[in-house]
Amino acid sequence: MREAIEKVLEAMREDYRRWTMTGREVHQNTEEFCRAIDIREKMTEEYCNGLEVKEGPRYWKIIASNGSGSQKSVAGFVAKAGDKKFQEGDLLKAAGWSAPARNFPRGNVLTESWCYQNVRWTGIG
């Protein structure tokens, strides 16, 4: 299961890298352009290194944080075991810090066809 969750984290990292690449315009001042690139690369590194997974009794919680770790948010949950509504490995959107939205799964990490389209750097949705 942990390897499957790592694929979700990698999808989030790749989405963040794509997002930081959009809107890169060439500035007249080369120094300003280099400084902007340096800032984006630092932000990308901080985001990618700030992703973590915490194991709870029923779910794996995916947490994103800034580089210093002072600001954290829940990016989503992965069901550890099946219940009446969900299967093991179901991707769930976060309803809050400690609970997922239990309306419907956004994919399943254990199937080959889980939807990357529901995984963004901003979270599972």
N, C-alpha and C. Protein backbone atom coordinates (compact mmCIF):
# COMPACT_ATOMS: atom_id res chain seq x y z
N MET A 1 0.84 -1.20 0.00
CA MET A 1 0.00 0.00 0.00
C MET A 1 0.87 1.25 0.00
N ARG A 2 1.95 1.24 0.78
CA ARG A 2 2.81 2.42 0.89
C ARG A 2 3.41 2.81 -0.47
N GLU A 3 3.78 1.81 -1.27
CA GLU A 3 4.32 2.10 -2.61
C GLU A 3 3.27 2.77 -3.49
N ALA A 4 2.03 2.33 -3.38
CA ALA A 4 0.94 2.93 -4.15
C ALA A 4 0.71 4.37 -3.72
N ILE A 5 0.81 4.63 -2.43
CA ILE A 5 0.63 6.00 -1.93
C ILE A 5 1.77 6.88 -2.42
N GLU A 6 2.97 6.33 -2.53
CA GLU A 6 4.11 7.09 -3.06
C GLU A 6 3.85 7.55 -4.49
N LYS A 7 3.12 6.75 -5.27
CA LYS A 7 2.76 7.15 -6.63
C LYS A 7 1.84 8.37 -6.61
N VAL A 8 0.96 8.42 -5.63
CA VAL A 8 0.07 9.59 -5.48
C VAL A 8 0.92 10.82 -5.14
N LEU A 9 1.87 10.67 -4.22
CA LEU A 9 2.74 11.80 -3.85
C LEU A 9 3.56 12.26 -5.05
N GLU A 10 4.04 11.32 -5.84
CA GLU A 10 4.81 11.70 -7.03
C GLU A 10 3.93 12.42 -8.04
N ALA A 11 2.68 11.99 -8.19
CA ALA A 11 1.75 12.69 -9.08
C ALA A 11 1.52 14.12 -8.60
N MET A 12 1.43 14.31 -7.29
CA MET A 12 1.26 15.65 -6.73
C MET A 12 2.50 16.51 -7.00
N ARG A 13 3.68 15.92 -6.82
CA ARG A 13 4.93 16.65 -7.09
C ARG A 13 5.02 17.06 -8.56
N GLU A 14 4.68 16.14 -9.45
CA GLU A 14 4.74 16.45 -10.89
C GLU A 14 3.75 17.55 -11.25
N ASP A 15 2.57 17.51 -10.66
CA ASP A 15 1.58 18.54 -10.93
C ASP A 15 2.08 19.90 -10.45
N TYR A 16 2.75 19.93 -9.31
CA TYR A 16 3.30 21.19 -8.80
C TYR A 16 4.39 21.70 -9.73
N ARG A 17 5.25 20.81 -10.20
CA ARG A 17 6.31 21.22 -11.14
C ARG A 17 5.70 21.81 -12.41
N ARG A 18 4.66 21.17 -12.94
CA ARG A 18 3.99 21.70 -14.14
C ARG A 18 3.39 23.07 -13.85
N TRP A 19 2.77 23.21 -12.69
CA TRP A 19 2.14 24.48 -12.33
C TRP A 19 3.17 25.60 -12.22
N THR A 20 4.32 25.31 -11.64
CA THR A 20 5.33 26.37 -11.50
C THR A 20 5.95 26.75 -12.84
N MET A 21 5.85 25.87 -13.83
CA MET A 21 6.40 26.18 -15.15
C MET A 21 5.48 27.08 -15.96
N THR A 22 4.19 27.11 -15.64
CA THR A 22 3.27 27.95 -16.40
C THR A 22 3.51 29.41 -16.07
N GLY A 23 3.36 30.23 -17.04
CA GLY A 23 3.48 31.66 -16.83
C GLY A 23 4.91 32.16 -16.74
N ARG A 24 5.87 31.33 -17.14
CA ARG A 24 7.26 31.81 -17.12
C ARG A 24 7.47 32.70 -18.35
N GLU A 25 7.57 33.95 -18.11
CA GLU A 25 7.80 34.87 -19.22
C GLU A 25 9.22 35.42 -19.12
N VAL A 26 9.77 35.75 -20.24
CA VAL A 26 11.13 36.29 -20.28
C VAL A 26 11.08 37.77 -19.93
N HIS A 27 11.82 38.15 -18.92
CA HIS A 27 11.88 39.54 -18.48
C HIS A 27 12.97 40.28 -19.25
N GLN A 28 12.83 41.57 -19.32
CA GLN A 28 13.85 42.39 -19.96
C GLN A 28 15.14 42.34 -19.16
N ASN A 29 15.02 42.29 -17.86
CA ASN A 29 16.18 42.28 -16.98
C ASN A 29 16.57 40.83 -16.67
N THR A 30 17.74 40.41 -17.11
CA THR A 30 18.18 39.03 -16.93
C THR A 30 18.33 38.68 -15.45
N GLU A 31 18.76 39.61 -14.64
CA GLU A 31 18.92 39.36 -13.21
C GLU A 31 17.57 39.07 -12.56
N GLU A 32 16.55 39.82 -12.95
CA GLU A 32 15.20 39.60 -12.40
C GLU A 32 14.67 38.22 -12.81
N PHE A 33 14.92 37.83 -14.05
CA PHE A 33 14.49 36.52 -14.53
C PHE A 33 15.17 35.40 -13.74
N CYS A 34 16.47 35.52 -13.53
CA CYS A 34 17.22 34.51 -12.77
C CYS A 34 16.72 34.43 -11.33
N ARG A 35 16.41 35.55 -10.73
CA ARG A 35 15.92 35.57 -9.36
C ARG A 35 14.55 34.88 -9.29
N ALA A 36 13.69 35.13 -10.28
CA ALA A 36 12.37 34.50 -10.32
C ALA A 36 12.50 32.98 -10.48
N ILE A 37 13.43 32.55 -11.31
CA ILE A 37 13.66 31.11 -11.50
C ILE A 37 14.16 30.49 -10.19
N ASP A 38 15.08 31.16 -9.52
CA ASP A 38 15.60 30.65 -8.25
C ASP A 38 14.51 30.51 -7.21
N ILE A 39 13.62 31.48 -7.13
CA ILE A 39 12.52 31.44 -6.17
C ILE A 39 11.59 30.27 -6.48
N ARG A 40 11.24 30.10 -7.75
CA ARG A 40 10.35 29.00 -8.13
C ARG A 40 10.99 27.64 -7.85
N GLU A 41 12.28 27.51 -8.11
CA GLU A 41 12.97 26.25 -7.83
C GLU A 41 13.00 25.96 -6.34
N LYS A 42 13.20 27.00 -5.53
CA LYS A 42 13.20 26.82 -4.07
C LYS A 42 11.81 26.41 -3.59
N MET A 43 10.77 27.07 -4.11
CA MET A 43 9.40 26.74 -3.72
C MET A 43 9.05 25.31 -4.12
N THR A 44 9.49 24.89 -5.31
CA THR A 44 9.23 23.53 -5.77
C THR A 44 9.90 22.51 -4.87
N GLU A 45 11.14 22.77 -4.52
CA GLU A 45 11.86 21.86 -3.63
C GLU A 45 11.19 21.77 -2.26
N GLU A 46 10.77 22.92 -1.73
CA GLU A 46 10.10 22.93 -0.42
C GLU A 46 8.78 22.16 -0.47
N TYR A 47 8.00 22.36 -1.54
CA TYR A 47 6.74 21.63 -1.65
C TYR A 47 6.98 20.13 -1.74
N CYS A 48 7.89 19.73 -2.63
CA CYS A 48 8.14 18.31 -2.85
C CYS A 48 8.66 17.63 -1.59
N ASN A 49 9.51 18.30 -0.85
CA ASN A 49 10.05 17.73 0.39
C ASN A 49 9.06 17.82 1.55
N GLY A 50 8.06 18.66 1.43
CA GLY A 50 7.11 18.87 2.52
C GLY A 50 5.93 17.90 2.53
N LEU A 51 5.82 17.06 1.50
CA LEU A 51 4.73 16.08 1.49
C LEU A 51 5.05 14.94 2.46
N GLU A 52 4.05 14.56 3.25
CA GLU A 52 4.26 13.45 4.19
C GLU A 52 2.97 12.65 4.32
N VAL A 53 3.13 11.44 4.82
CA VAL A 53 2.00 10.55 5.02
C VAL A 53 1.99 10.11 6.47
N LYS A 54 0.84 10.27 7.12
CA LYS A 54 0.66 9.84 8.51
C LYS A 54 -0.36 8.71 8.54
N GLU A 55 -0.03 7.67 9.28
CA GLU A 55 -0.94 6.54 9.39
C GLU A 55 -1.88 6.74 10.57
N GLY A 56 -3.16 6.62 10.30
CA GLY A 56 -4.17 6.67 11.35
C GLY A 56 -4.84 5.32 11.47
N PRO A 57 -5.81 5.19 12.34
CA PRO A 57 -6.45 3.89 12.52
C PRO A 57 -7.26 3.42 11.30
N ARG A 58 -7.87 4.35 10.55
CA ARG A 58 -8.70 3.97 9.40
C ARG A 58 -8.19 4.47 8.05
N TYR A 59 -7.34 5.53 8.10
CA TYR A 59 -6.90 6.16 6.85
C TYR A 59 -5.42 6.51 6.92
N TRP A 60 -4.82 6.61 5.74
CA TRP A 60 -3.52 7.25 5.60
C TRP A 60 -3.83 8.71 5.27
N LYS A 61 -3.23 9.64 5.99
CA LYS A 61 -3.46 11.07 5.77
C LYS A 61 -2.27 11.63 4.99
N ILE A 62 -2.55 12.30 3.87
CA ILE A 62 -1.51 12.95 3.08
C ILE A 62 -1.48 14.42 3.48
N ILE A 63 -0.31 14.87 3.94
CA ILE A 63 -0.15 16.23 4.45
C ILE A 63 0.87 16.97 3.59
N ALA A 64 0.52 18.19 3.23
CA ALA A 64 1.43 19.07 2.50
C ALA A 64 1.82 20.21 3.45
N SER A 65 3.08 20.58 3.42
CA SER A 65 3.52 21.69 4.27
C SER A 65 4.50 22.57 3.50
N ASN A 66 4.66 23.77 4.01
CA ASN A 66 5.63 24.67 3.40
C ASN A 66 7.03 24.23 3.86
N GLY A 67 8.04 24.86 3.36
CA GLY A 67 9.42 24.46 3.66
C GLY A 67 9.77 24.43 5.13
N SER A 68 9.26 25.38 5.89
CA SER A 68 9.60 25.44 7.31
C SER A 68 8.72 24.52 8.15
N GLY A 69 7.63 24.02 7.56
CA GLY A 69 6.72 23.15 8.29
C GLY A 69 5.75 23.90 9.19
N SER A 70 5.76 25.24 9.11
CA SER A 70 4.89 26.03 9.98
C SER A 70 3.44 26.04 9.48
N GLN A 71 3.25 25.81 8.19
CA GLN A 71 1.90 25.77 7.62
C GLN A 71 1.67 24.40 7.00
N LYS A 72 0.67 23.70 7.50
CA LYS A 72 0.36 22.37 6.99
C LYS A 72 -1.11 22.32 6.60
N SER A 73 -1.39 21.48 5.60
CA SER A 73 -2.78 21.25 5.20
C SER A 73 -2.92 19.80 4.78
N VAL A 74 -4.12 19.28 4.91
CA VAL A 74 -4.39 17.91 4.51
C VAL A 74 -4.74 17.91 3.03
N ALA A 75 -3.99 17.13 2.26
CA ALA A 75 -4.22 17.04 0.83
C ALA A 75 -5.23 15.95 0.49
N GLY A 76 -5.43 15.00 1.39
CA GLY A 76 -6.39 13.94 1.15
C GLY A 76 -6.13 12.75 2.04
N PHE A 77 -6.94 11.71 1.83
CA PHE A 77 -6.84 10.49 2.62
C PHE A 77 -6.87 9.29 1.70
N VAL A 78 -6.30 8.18 2.18
CA VAL A 78 -6.38 6.90 1.49
C VAL A 78 -6.94 5.90 2.50
N ALA A 79 -8.00 5.20 2.12
CA ALA A 79 -8.64 4.23 3.01
C ALA A 79 -7.70 3.05 3.24
N LYS A 80 -7.51 2.68 4.51
CA LYS A 80 -6.64 1.56 4.86
C LYS A 80 -7.33 0.22 4.66
N ALA A 81 -8.59 0.15 4.98
CA ALA A 81 -9.35 -1.10 4.85
C ALA A 81 -10.75 -0.76 4.35
N GLY A 82 -11.36 -1.71 3.75
CA GLY A 82 -12.70 -1.48 3.24
C GLY A 82 -13.73 -1.37 4.36
N ASP A 83 -14.82 -0.69 4.05
CA ASP A 83 -15.97 -0.63 4.95
C ASP A 83 -17.22 -0.71 4.09
N LYS A 84 -18.37 -0.31 4.61
CA LYS A 84 -19.61 -0.41 3.86
C LYS A 84 -19.59 0.41 2.57
N LYS A 85 -18.88 1.52 2.59
CA LYS A 85 -18.92 2.45 1.47
C LYS A 85 -17.66 2.45 0.60
N PHE A 86 -16.51 2.16 1.19
CA PHE A 86 -15.24 2.29 0.48
C PHE A 86 -14.44 1.00 0.49
N GLN A 87 -13.55 0.89 -0.50
CA GLN A 87 -12.64 -0.24 -0.59
C GLN A 87 -11.26 0.18 -0.09
N GLU A 88 -10.43 -0.78 0.22
CA GLU A 88 -9.06 -0.50 0.60
C GLU A 88 -8.38 0.23 -0.56
N GLY A 89 -7.68 1.32 -0.25
CA GLY A 89 -6.96 2.08 -1.26
C GLY A 89 -7.73 3.21 -1.91
N ASP A 90 -8.98 3.41 -1.54
CA ASP A 90 -9.77 4.50 -2.14
C ASP A 90 -9.17 5.85 -1.77
N LEU A 91 -9.08 6.72 -2.77
CA LEU A 91 -8.63 8.11 -2.58
C LEU A 91 -9.81 8.95 -2.15
N LEU A 92 -9.65 9.68 -1.06
CA LEU A 92 -10.74 10.50 -0.54
C LEU A 92 -10.30 11.94 -0.35
N LYS A 93 -11.15 12.85 -0.73
CA LYS A 93 -10.92 14.27 -0.54
C LYS A 93 -10.98 14.60 0.95
N ALA A 94 -10.23 15.57 1.38
CA ALA A 94 -10.25 15.97 2.79
C ALA A 94 -11.47 16.84 3.07
N ALA A 95 -12.18 16.52 4.15
CA ALA A 95 -13.28 17.36 4.62
C ALA A 95 -12.75 18.33 5.67
N GLY A 96 -11.67 17.97 6.28
CA GLY A 96 -11.04 18.77 7.32
C GLY A 96 -9.72 18.14 7.70
N TRP A 97 -9.15 18.62 8.79
CA TRP A 97 -7.85 18.12 9.22
C TRP A 97 -7.88 16.64 9.59
N SER A 98 -8.96 16.20 10.20
CA SER A 98 -8.96 14.84 10.73
C SER A 98 -9.93 13.88 10.07
N ALA A 99 -10.64 14.32 9.04
CA ALA A 99 -11.63 13.43 8.43
C ALA A 99 -11.74 13.65 6.92
N PRO A 100 -11.98 12.55 6.20
CA PRO A 100 -12.19 12.68 4.75
C PRO A 100 -13.64 12.98 4.43
N ALA A 101 -13.86 13.45 3.22
CA ALA A 101 -15.22 13.59 2.70
C ALA A 101 -15.66 12.18 2.32
N ARG A 102 -16.74 11.73 2.87
CA ARG A 102 -17.18 10.35 2.66
C ARG A 102 -18.30 10.24 1.63
N ASN A 103 -18.37 11.20 0.70
CA ASN A 103 -19.43 11.13 -0.30
C ASN A 103 -19.13 10.10 -1.40
N PHE A 104 -17.92 10.14 -1.99
CA PHE A 104 -17.54 9.15 -3.00
C PHE A 104 -16.02 9.16 -3.16
N PRO A 105 -15.45 8.03 -3.58
CA PRO A 105 -13.99 7.97 -3.77
C PRO A 105 -13.59 8.71 -5.05
N ARG A 106 -12.37 9.22 -5.05
CA ARG A 106 -11.83 9.93 -6.22
C ARG A 106 -10.90 9.04 -7.03
N GLY A 107 -10.87 7.76 -6.74
CA GLY A 107 -10.02 6.79 -7.41
C GLY A 107 -9.55 5.78 -6.37
N ASN A 108 -8.72 4.83 -6.81
CA ASN A 108 -8.19 3.82 -5.91
C ASN A 108 -6.74 3.57 -6.26
N VAL A 109 -5.86 3.68 -5.28
CA VAL A 109 -4.42 3.56 -5.53
C VAL A 109 -3.99 2.13 -5.86
N LEU A 110 -4.82 1.16 -5.56
CA LEU A 110 -4.45 -0.24 -5.78
C LEU A 110 -4.85 -0.75 -7.16
N THR A 111 -5.59 0.04 -7.92
CA THR A 111 -5.96 -0.36 -9.27
C THR A 111 -5.06 0.35 -10.26
N GLU A 112 -4.86 -0.26 -11.39
CA GLU A 112 -4.02 0.33 -12.42
C GLU A 112 -4.67 1.55 -13.07
N SER A 113 -5.97 1.65 -12.94
CA SER A 113 -6.68 2.72 -13.64
C SER A 113 -7.07 3.88 -12.73
N TRP A 114 -6.37 4.06 -11.60
CA TRP A 114 -6.77 5.17 -10.73
C TRP A 114 -6.50 6.49 -11.44
N CYS A 115 -7.31 7.44 -11.16
CA CYS A 115 -7.33 8.68 -11.93
C CYS A 115 -6.32 9.71 -11.43
N TYR A 116 -5.30 9.96 -12.24
CA TYR A 116 -4.38 11.05 -11.92
C TYR A 116 -5.10 12.39 -12.03
N GLN A 117 -6.17 12.44 -12.81
CA GLN A 117 -6.88 13.69 -13.00
C GLN A 117 -7.52 14.19 -11.71
N ASN A 118 -7.68 13.33 -10.73
CA ASN A 118 -8.25 13.75 -9.45
C ASN A 118 -7.19 14.07 -8.42
N VAL A 119 -5.92 13.98 -8.81
CA VAL A 119 -4.82 14.27 -7.89
C VAL A 119 -4.10 15.50 -8.41
N ARG A 120 -4.12 16.55 -7.62
CA ARG A 120 -3.44 17.80 -7.96
C ARG A 120 -2.50 18.15 -6.82
N TRP A 121 -1.66 19.11 -7.06
CA TRP A 121 -0.74 19.53 -6.00
C TRP A 121 -1.51 20.16 -4.84
N THR A 122 -2.70 20.63 -5.13
CA THR A 122 -3.53 21.24 -4.08
C THR A 122 -4.28 20.20 -3.26
N GLY A 123 -4.28 18.95 -3.72
CA GLY A 123 -4.93 17.88 -2.97
C GLY A 123 -5.71 16.94 -3.85
N ILE A 124 -6.35 15.99 -3.21
CA ILE A 124 -7.18 15.03 -3.91
C ILE A 124 -8.57 15.63 -4.04
N GLY A 125 -9.12 15.60 -5.21
CA GLY A 125 -10.42 16.22 -5.37
C GLY A 125 -11.07 15.81 -6.58
